Amino acid sequence: MESFFYVQTHEQPLDLQSIEASLRSVQREFHLINQALNVSREQMDDEVVENLISGYALINQMLEAKIELFALGSSSYLFELNTRVLCGTSEQKRSEYHKHIAANNKYFYERTGAGINDLYEWYTLQRHEPVWQRAAGVYIRILSEPQVFIEGNDRTGALVMSYILAKEGLPPFVLTAANAKAYFETSALIKRLPRNGLANLFRLPRLKTRIADYLEEQALTRYFT
C-alpha cells in the first residue's frame, strides 16, 4: 500500500481548525446526543476526533494534487481514508493493527459485487448526477450491505462526501452538535439496508434525496480557509 504519511501541501482548501472546533463541540455534548439516539454509539474520544482530522487533511492533499478519487489508479487514496479514521497516521498504531489493515485490504479489493469494484462501477454510472445527489449516493453505497470496508464505513463515508463536495467548490460535510443526531440515526438506518434488495428499489432513491437535501442544508462556508 502506498504511504501518504509525509505528503506536503502548500494550500489548505478546508479550514482544519474550524472543522476540529465543530468535532470537539460534538465530543463535548456526545453523552447528551447519545441519550437521544435510538441506537447508541461508541464514545467519541480524542483519538476518533484526531483520526477524522487527519482524514480531512488528506482531502486537502488530494484537492491540491487534483486527485480524481474515483479514477483508475486512485483506489489507494480511498483505502487510506478508511485507514486514517481507524488508525490515524501513527506508524506505531498501524503496526499494531497490521493484521486488520491486511484483512481490510483483501476485503476492499478482492470481493465480487462489493468493495472497490462495486463502488467504482456505481459511481461511473452516477457521475452526471447533481453533486449533492452523488455525494449522498456514495454515502449510501459505502454504508449499506455489503459495506465497502470491514469497519469505519460511516466516518469514511462522511470524508468521501466531503471530498466530492469540496472538489466542486462546495463546503464539506462536518459533524456538529446540531446535526449529529440526524446523521447518526440516518447512518444506523442505512447500515440495515441491503443495497440490492427488491424491497429497497424505491426506498433507497428517496433516502438519497433526503440525504442530499440534508447535506445542502448543512453546507457552511466557514469550513473553507
C-alpha atoms as a PDB file:
ATOM      1  CA  MET A   1       0.000   0.000   0.000  1.00  0.00           C
ATOM      2  CA  GLU A   2       1.322   3.397  -0.940  1.00  0.00           C
ATOM      3  CA  SER A   3       2.302   5.638   2.017  1.00  0.00           C
ATOM      4  CA  PHE A   4       0.780   9.097   2.435  1.00  0.00           C
ATOM      5  CA  PHE A   5       2.357   9.959   5.789  1.00  0.00           C
ATOM      6  CA  TYR A   6       4.678  12.678   4.560  1.00  0.00           C
ATOM      7  CA  VAL A   7       2.859  14.304   1.660  1.00  0.00           C
ATOM      8  CA  GLN A   8       3.420  18.059   1.898  1.00  0.00           C
ATOM      9  CA  THR A   9       0.819  20.610   0.904  1.00  0.00           C
ATOM     10  CA  HIS A  10       1.071  24.347   0.306  1.00  0.00           C
ATOM     11  CA  GLU A  11      -2.634  25.164   0.309  1.00  0.00           C
ATOM     12  CA  GLN A  12      -5.408  24.294   2.736  1.00  0.00           C
ATOM     13  CA  PRO A  13      -8.767  24.484   0.913  1.00  0.00           C
ATOM     14  CA  LEU A  14     -10.522  23.191   4.037  1.00  0.00           C
ATOM     15  CA  ASP A  15     -10.146  25.006   7.339  1.00  0.00           C
ATOM     16  CA  LEU A  16      -8.982  22.206   9.622  1.00  0.00           C
ATOM     17  CA  GLN A  17      -9.199  24.376  12.733  1.00  0.00           C
ATOM     18  CA  SER A  18     -12.871  25.171  12.118  1.00  0.00           C
ATOM     19  CA  ILE A  19     -13.577  21.526  11.345  1.00  0.00           C
ATOM     20  CA  GLU A  20     -11.878  20.424  14.559  1.00  0.00           C
ATOM     21  CA  ALA A  21     -13.822  23.007  16.564  1.00  0.00           C
ATOM     22  CA  SER A  22     -17.085  21.532  15.279  1.00  0.00           C
ATOM     23  CA  LEU A  23     -15.987  17.980  16.039  1.00  0.00           C
ATOM     24  CA  ARG A  24     -14.905  18.995  19.543  1.00  0.00           C
ATOM     25  CA  SER A  25     -18.337  20.521  20.142  1.00  0.00           C
ATOM     26  CA  VAL A  26     -19.878  17.152  19.277  1.00  0.00           C
ATOM     27  CA  GLN A  27     -17.410  15.445  21.579  1.00  0.00           C
ATOM     28  CA  ARG A  28     -18.333  17.719  24.500  1.00  0.00           C
ATOM     29  CA  GLU A  29     -22.053  17.082  24.065  1.00  0.00           C
ATOM     30  CA  PHE A  30     -21.775  13.481  22.978  1.00  0.00           C
ATOM     31  CA  HIS A  31     -23.314  11.970  26.109  1.00  0.00           C
ATOM     32  CA  LEU A  32     -26.482  14.043  25.562  1.00  0.00           C
ATOM     33  CA  ILE A  33     -26.576  13.267  21.844  1.00  0.00           C
ATOM     34  CA  ASN A  34     -26.120   9.564  22.562  1.00  0.00           C
ATOM     35  CA  GLN A  35     -29.009   9.525  25.029  1.00  0.00           C
ATOM     36  CA  ALA A  36     -31.329  10.850  22.327  1.00  0.00           C
ATOM     37  CA  LEU A  37     -30.407   8.148  19.780  1.00  0.00           C
ATOM     38  CA  ASN A  38     -32.415   5.005  19.121  1.00  0.00           C
ATOM     39  CA  VAL A  39     -29.142   3.090  18.682  1.00  0.00           C
ATOM     40  CA  SER A  40     -26.275   4.104  20.965  1.00  0.00           C
ATOM     41  CA  ARG A  41     -22.877   4.955  19.501  1.00  0.00           C
ATOM     42  CA  GLU A  42     -19.390   4.307  20.814  1.00  0.00           C
ATOM     43  CA  GLN A  43     -17.853   7.242  22.640  1.00  0.00           C
ATOM     44  CA  MET A  44     -16.274   9.975  20.519  1.00  0.00           C
ATOM     45  CA  ASP A  45     -12.880  10.163  22.217  1.00  0.00           C
ATOM     46  CA  ASP A  46      -9.816  12.222  21.318  1.00  0.00           C
ATOM     47  CA  GLU A  47      -8.472   9.511  19.036  1.00  0.00           C
ATOM     48  CA  VAL A  48     -11.657   9.467  16.947  1.00  0.00           C
ATOM     49  CA  VAL A  49     -11.522  13.254  16.516  1.00  0.00           C
ATOM     50  CA  GLU A  50      -7.808  13.311  15.693  1.00  0.00           C
ATOM     51  CA  ASN A  51      -8.193  10.497  13.170  1.00  0.00           C
ATOM     52  CA  LEU A  52     -11.045  12.333  11.451  1.00  0.00           C
ATOM     53  CA  ILE A  53      -8.946  15.500  11.246  1.00  0.00           C
ATOM     54  CA  SER A  54      -6.153  13.501   9.609  1.00  0.00           C
ATOM     55  CA  GLY A  55      -8.758  12.360   7.065  1.00  0.00           C
ATOM     56  CA  TYR A  56      -9.792  15.937   6.274  1.00  0.00           C
ATOM     57  CA  ALA A  57      -6.089  16.792   5.965  1.00  0.00           C
ATOM     58  CA  LEU A  58      -5.753  14.048   3.343  1.00  0.00           C
ATOM     59  CA  ILE A  59      -8.706  15.559   1.474  1.00  0.00           C
ATOM     60  CA  ASN A  60      -6.767  18.828   1.342  1.00  0.00           C
ATOM     61  CA  GLN A  61      -3.809  16.976  -0.102  1.00  0.00           C
ATOM     62  CA  MET A  62      -5.966  15.301  -2.726  1.00  0.00           C
ATOM     63  CA  LEU A  63      -7.624  18.566  -3.716  1.00  0.00           C
ATOM     64  CA  GLU A  64      -4.313  20.340  -4.101  1.00  0.00           C
ATOM     65  CA  ALA A  65      -2.849  17.460  -6.112  1.00  0.00           C
ATOM     66  CA  LYS A  66      -6.048  17.322  -8.229  1.00  0.00           C
ATOM     67  CA  ILE A  67      -6.550  13.641  -7.402  1.00  0.00           C
ATOM     68  CA  GLU A  68      -9.609  12.085  -9.008  1.00  0.00           C
ATOM     69  CA  LEU A  69     -10.713   9.757  -6.218  1.00  0.00           C
ATOM     70  CA  PHE A  70     -12.911   7.647  -8.483  1.00  0.00           C
ATOM     71  CA  ALA A  71     -10.430   7.329 -11.331  1.00  0.00           C
ATOM     72  CA  LEU A  72      -8.465   4.176 -12.077  1.00  0.00           C
ATOM     73  CA  GLY A  73      -5.289   4.128 -10.015  1.00  0.00           C
ATOM     74  CA  SER A  74      -6.676   6.230  -7.150  1.00  0.00           C
ATOM     75  CA  SER A  75      -8.206   3.481  -5.033  1.00  0.00           C
ATOM     76  CA  SER A  76      -5.291   3.596  -2.585  1.00  0.00           C
ATOM     77  CA  TYR A  77      -6.452   7.074  -1.524  1.00  0.00           C
ATOM     78  CA  LEU A  78      -9.895   5.727  -0.689  1.00  0.00           C
ATOM     79  CA  PHE A  79      -8.334   2.887   1.280  1.00  0.00           C
ATOM     80  CA  GLU A  80      -6.107   5.393   3.063  1.00  0.00           C
ATOM     81  CA  LEU A  81      -9.120   7.469   4.141  1.00  0.00           C
ATOM     82  CA  ASN A  82     -10.554   4.401   5.850  1.00  0.00           C
ATOM     83  CA  THR A  83      -7.216   3.521   7.428  1.00  0.00           C
ATOM     84  CA  ARG A  84      -6.909   7.048   8.792  1.00  0.00           C
ATOM     85  CA  VAL A  85     -10.299   7.061  10.513  1.00  0.00           C
ATOM     86  CA  LEU A  86      -9.285   3.832  12.244  1.00  0.00           C
ATOM     87  CA  CYS A  87      -5.561   4.352  12.905  1.00  0.00           C
ATOM     88  CA  GLY A  88      -4.686   7.951  12.084  1.00  0.00           C
ATOM     89  CA  THR A  89      -1.193   8.453  10.683  1.00  0.00           C
ATOM     90  CA  SER A  90       0.737   6.892  13.584  1.00  0.00           C
ATOM     91  CA  GLU A  91       3.124   4.254  12.270  1.00  0.00           C
ATOM     92  CA  GLN A  92       3.082   2.608  15.701  1.00  0.00           C
ATOM     93  CA  LYS A  93      -0.717   2.324  15.624  1.00  0.00           C
ATOM     94  CA  ARG A  94      -0.627   0.938  12.111  1.00  0.00           C
ATOM     95  CA  SER A  95       1.965  -1.589  13.140  1.00  0.00           C
ATOM     96  CA  GLU A  96      -0.298  -2.723  15.983  1.00  0.00           C
ATOM     97  CA  TYR A  97      -3.239  -3.078  13.579  1.00  0.00           C
ATOM     98  CA  HIS A  98      -1.292  -4.520  10.640  1.00  0.00           C
ATOM     99  CA  LYS A  99      -3.373  -7.720  10.603  1.00  0.00           C
ATOM    100  CA  HIS A 100      -6.617  -5.741  10.428  1.00  0.00           C
ATOM    101  CA  ILE A 101      -5.220  -3.477   7.708  1.00  0.00           C
ATOM    102  CA  ALA A 102      -4.167  -6.525   5.670  1.00  0.00           C
ATOM    103  CA  ALA A 103      -7.578  -8.165   6.136  1.00  0.00           C
ATOM    104  CA  ASN A 104      -9.317  -4.911   5.198  1.00  0.00           C
ATOM    105  CA  ASN A 105      -7.171  -4.605   2.085  1.00  0.00           C
ATOM    106  CA  LYS A 106      -8.290  -8.053   0.956  1.00  0.00           C
ATOM    107  CA  TYR A 107     -11.912  -7.267   1.859  1.00  0.00           C
ATOM    108  CA  PHE A 108     -11.761  -3.987  -0.076  1.00  0.00           C
ATOM    109  CA  TYR A 109     -10.065  -5.173  -3.252  1.00  0.00           C
ATOM    110  CA  GLU A 110     -10.999  -8.803  -3.790  1.00  0.00           C
ATOM    111  CA  ARG A 111     -14.760  -9.129  -3.311  1.00  0.00           C
ATOM    112  CA  THR A 112     -17.044  -9.565  -6.297  1.00  0.00           C
ATOM    113  CA  GLY A 113     -20.128  -7.332  -6.291  1.00  0.00           C
ATOM    114  CA  ALA A 114     -18.839  -5.305  -3.370  1.00  0.00           C
ATOM    115  CA  GLY A 115     -15.789  -3.352  -2.252  1.00  0.00           C
ATOM    116  CA  ILE A 116     -13.945  -1.019  -4.583  1.00  0.00           C
ATOM    117  CA  ASN A 117     -15.128  -2.623  -7.834  1.00  0.00           C
ATOM    118  CA  ASP A 118     -18.789  -2.204  -6.987  1.00  0.00           C
ATOM    119  CA  LEU A 119     -18.268   1.355  -5.746  1.00  0.00           C
ATOM    120  CA  TYR A 120     -16.376   2.449  -8.869  1.00  0.00           C
ATOM    121  CA  GLU A 121     -18.899   0.876 -11.207  1.00  0.00           C
ATOM    122  CA  TRP A 122     -21.760   2.573  -9.383  1.00  0.00           C
ATOM    123  CA  TYR A 123     -20.040   5.972  -9.360  1.00  0.00           C
ATOM    124  CA  THR A 124     -19.286   5.779 -13.086  1.00  0.00           C
ATOM    125  CA  LEU A 125     -22.985   5.299 -13.783  1.00  0.00           C
ATOM    126  CA  GLN A 126     -23.963   8.180 -11.464  1.00  0.00           C
ATOM    127  CA  ARG A 127     -21.224  10.689 -12.347  1.00  0.00           C
ATOM    128  CA  HIS A 128     -23.623  13.015 -14.215  1.00  0.00           C
ATOM    129  CA  GLU A 129     -25.987  13.416 -11.257  1.00  0.00           C
ATOM    130  CA  PRO A 130     -26.050  16.709  -9.303  1.00  0.00           C
ATOM    131  CA  VAL A 131     -23.220  16.795  -6.775  1.00  0.00           C
ATOM    132  CA  TRP A 132     -25.490  16.680  -3.705  1.00  0.00           C
ATOM    133  CA  GLN A 133     -27.197  13.553  -5.023  1.00  0.00           C
ATOM    134  CA  ARG A 134     -23.877  11.995  -5.982  1.00  0.00           C
ATOM    135  CA  ALA A 135     -22.376  12.586  -2.540  1.00  0.00           C
ATOM    136  CA  ALA A 136     -25.463  11.173  -0.830  1.00  0.00           C
ATOM    137  CA  GLY A 137     -25.476   8.159  -3.125  1.00  0.00           C
ATOM    138  CA  VAL A 138     -21.842   7.349  -2.446  1.00  0.00           C
ATOM    139  CA  TYR A 139     -22.502   7.538   1.277  1.00  0.00           C
ATOM    140  CA  ILE A 140     -25.361   5.052   0.974  1.00  0.00           C
ATOM    141  CA  ARG A 141     -23.244   2.791  -1.223  1.00  0.00           C
ATOM    142  CA  ILE A 142     -20.441   2.712   1.352  1.00  0.00           C
ATOM    143  CA  LEU A 143     -22.694   2.047   4.370  1.00  0.00           C
ATOM    144  CA  SER A 144     -25.402  -0.260   3.021  1.00  0.00           C
ATOM    145  CA  GLU A 145     -24.923  -4.025   2.973  1.00  0.00           C
ATOM    146  CA  PRO A 146     -22.462  -5.307   1.934  1.00  0.00           C
ATOM    147  CA  GLN A 147     -20.330  -2.463   3.296  1.00  0.00           C
ATOM    148  CA  VAL A 148     -17.198  -1.360   1.474  1.00  0.00           C
ATOM    149  CA  PHE A 149     -14.853  -1.729   4.469  1.00  0.00           C
ATOM    150  CA  ILE A 150     -14.731  -4.036   7.479  1.00  0.00           C
ATOM    151  CA  GLU A 151     -15.349  -1.086   9.822  1.00  0.00           C
ATOM    152  CA  GLY A 152     -15.272   2.702   9.925  1.00  0.00           C
ATOM    153  CA  ASN A 153     -17.643   2.985   6.964  1.00  0.00           C
ATOM    154  CA  ASP A 154     -19.725   5.876   8.316  1.00  0.00           C
ATOM    155  CA  ARG A 155     -16.708   8.058   9.111  1.00  0.00           C
ATOM    156  CA  THR A 156     -15.073   7.164   5.796  1.00  0.00           C
ATOM    157  CA  GLY A 157     -18.342   7.886   4.027  1.00  0.00           C
ATOM    158  CA  ALA A 158     -18.516  11.346   5.607  1.00  0.00           C
ATOM    159  CA  LEU A 159     -14.992  12.085   4.359  1.00  0.00           C
ATOM    160  CA  VAL A 160     -15.764  10.839   0.852  1.00  0.00           C
ATOM    161  CA  MET A 161     -18.877  13.037   0.740  1.00  0.00           C
ATOM    162  CA  SER A 162     -16.697  15.961   1.847  1.00  0.00           C
ATOM    163  CA  TYR A 163     -14.191  15.287  -0.927  1.00  0.00           C
ATOM    164  CA  ILE A 164     -16.928  15.120  -3.594  1.00  0.00           C
ATOM    165  CA  LEU A 165     -18.472  18.385  -2.409  1.00  0.00           C
ATOM    166  CA  ALA A 166     -15.209  20.286  -1.883  1.00  0.00           C
ATOM    167  CA  LYS A 167     -13.920  19.210  -5.282  1.00  0.00           C
ATOM    168  CA  GLU A 168     -16.793  21.202  -6.803  1.00  0.00           C
ATOM    169  CA  GLY A 169     -16.230  24.208  -4.556  1.00  0.00           C
ATOM    170  CA  LEU A 170     -18.948  23.332  -2.048  1.00  0.00           C
ATOM    171  CA  PRO A 171     -18.454  23.138   1.732  1.00  0.00           C
ATOM    172  CA  PRO A 172     -17.567  19.719   3.135  1.00  0.00           C
ATOM    173  CA  PHE A 173     -19.850  17.799   5.418  1.00  0.00           C
ATOM    174  CA  VAL A 174     -18.750  18.208   9.037  1.00  0.00           C
ATOM    175  CA  LEU A 175     -20.416  16.779  12.108  1.00  0.00           C
ATOM    176  CA  THR A 176     -21.758  19.420  14.511  1.00  0.00           C
ATOM    177  CA  ALA A 177     -23.685  19.298  17.767  1.00  0.00           C
ATOM    178  CA  ALA A 178     -26.743  20.478  15.810  1.00  0.00           C
ATOM    179  CA  ASN A 179     -26.649  17.886  13.011  1.00  0.00           C
ATOM    180  CA  ALA A 180     -25.175  14.890  14.873  1.00  0.00           C
ATOM    181  CA  LYS A 181     -28.461  13.252  15.898  1.00  0.00           C
ATOM    182  CA  ALA A 182     -29.859  13.246  12.359  1.00  0.00           C
ATOM    183  CA  TYR A 183     -26.541  11.998  10.974  1.00  0.00           C
ATOM    184  CA  PHE A 184     -26.187   9.131  13.457  1.00  0.00           C
ATOM    185  CA  GLU A 185     -29.785   7.993  13.064  1.00  0.00           C
ATOM    186  CA  THR A 186     -29.575   8.080   9.262  1.00  0.00           C
ATOM    187  CA  SER A 187     -26.309   6.103   9.386  1.00  0.00           C
ATOM    188  CA  ALA A 188     -27.900   3.463  11.612  1.00  0.00           C
ATOM    189  CA  LEU A 189     -30.807   3.151   9.157  1.00  0.00           C
ATOM    190  CA  ILE A 190     -28.576   2.772   6.096  1.00  0.00           C
ATOM    191  CA  LYS A 191     -26.451   0.070   7.748  1.00  0.00           C
ATOM    192  CA  ARG A 192     -29.526  -2.155   7.987  1.00  0.00           C
ATOM    193  CA  LEU A 193     -30.387  -1.860   4.292  1.00  0.00           C
ATOM    194  CA  PRO A 194     -29.222  -4.332   1.624  1.00  0.00           C
ATOM    195  CA  ARG A 195     -28.424  -2.119  -1.334  1.00  0.00           C
ATOM    196  CA  ASN A 196     -29.586  -4.634  -3.930  1.00  0.00           C
ATOM    197  CA  GLY A 197     -32.748  -5.853  -2.232  1.00  0.00           C
ATOM    198  CA  LEU A 198     -36.010  -5.537  -4.179  1.00  0.00           C
ATOM    199  CA  ALA A 199     -37.696  -4.050  -1.124  1.00  0.00           C
ATOM    200  CA  ASN A 200     -35.292  -1.098  -1.293  1.00  0.00           C
ATOM    201  CA  LEU A 201     -35.665  -0.459  -5.019  1.00  0.00           C
ATOM    202  CA  PHE A 202     -37.789   2.628  -4.307  1.00  0.00           C
ATOM    203  CA  ARG A 203     -36.732   3.303  -0.723  1.00  0.00           C
ATOM    204  CA  LEU A 204     -33.057   3.991  -1.445  1.00  0.00           C
ATOM    205  CA  PRO A 205     -33.661   6.729  -4.079  1.00  0.00           C
ATOM    206  CA  ARG A 206     -35.960   8.529  -1.660  1.00  0.00           C
ATOM    207  CA  LEU A 207     -33.379   8.180   1.084  1.00  0.00           C
ATOM    208  CA  LYS A 208     -30.688   9.531  -1.244  1.00  0.00           C
ATOM    209  CA  THR A 209     -32.806  12.609  -1.974  1.00  0.00           C
ATOM    210  CA  ARG A 210     -33.373  13.150   1.740  1.00  0.00           C
ATOM    211  CA  ILE A 211     -29.653  12.938   2.485  1.00  0.00           C
ATOM    212  CA  ALA A 212     -28.827  15.231  -0.451  1.00  0.00           C
ATOM    213  CA  ASP A 213     -31.236  17.850   0.919  1.00  0.00           C
ATOM    214  CA  TYR A 214     -29.714  17.395   4.377  1.00  0.00           C
ATOM    215  CA  LEU A 215     -26.184  17.942   3.012  1.00  0.00           C
ATOM    216  CA  GLU A 216     -27.243  21.112   1.230  1.00  0.00           C
ATOM    217  CA  GLU A 217     -28.888  22.440   4.393  1.00  0.00           C
ATOM    218  CA  GLN A 218     -25.717  21.727   6.419  1.00  0.00           C
ATOM    219  CA  ALA A 219     -23.344  23.449   3.979  1.00  0.00           C
ATOM    220  CA  LEU A 220     -21.296  26.004   5.917  1.00  0.00           C
ATOM    221  CA  THR A 221     -18.655  28.110   4.183  1.00  0.00           C
ATOM    222  CA  ARG A 222     -16.762  28.575   7.471  1.00  0.00           C
ATOM    223  CA  TYR A 223     -15.053  25.262   6.731  1.00  0.00           C
ATOM    224  CA  PHE A 224     -13.071  26.854   3.912  1.00  0.00           C
ATOM    225  CA  THR A 225      -9.900  28.819   4.573  1.00  0.00           C
END
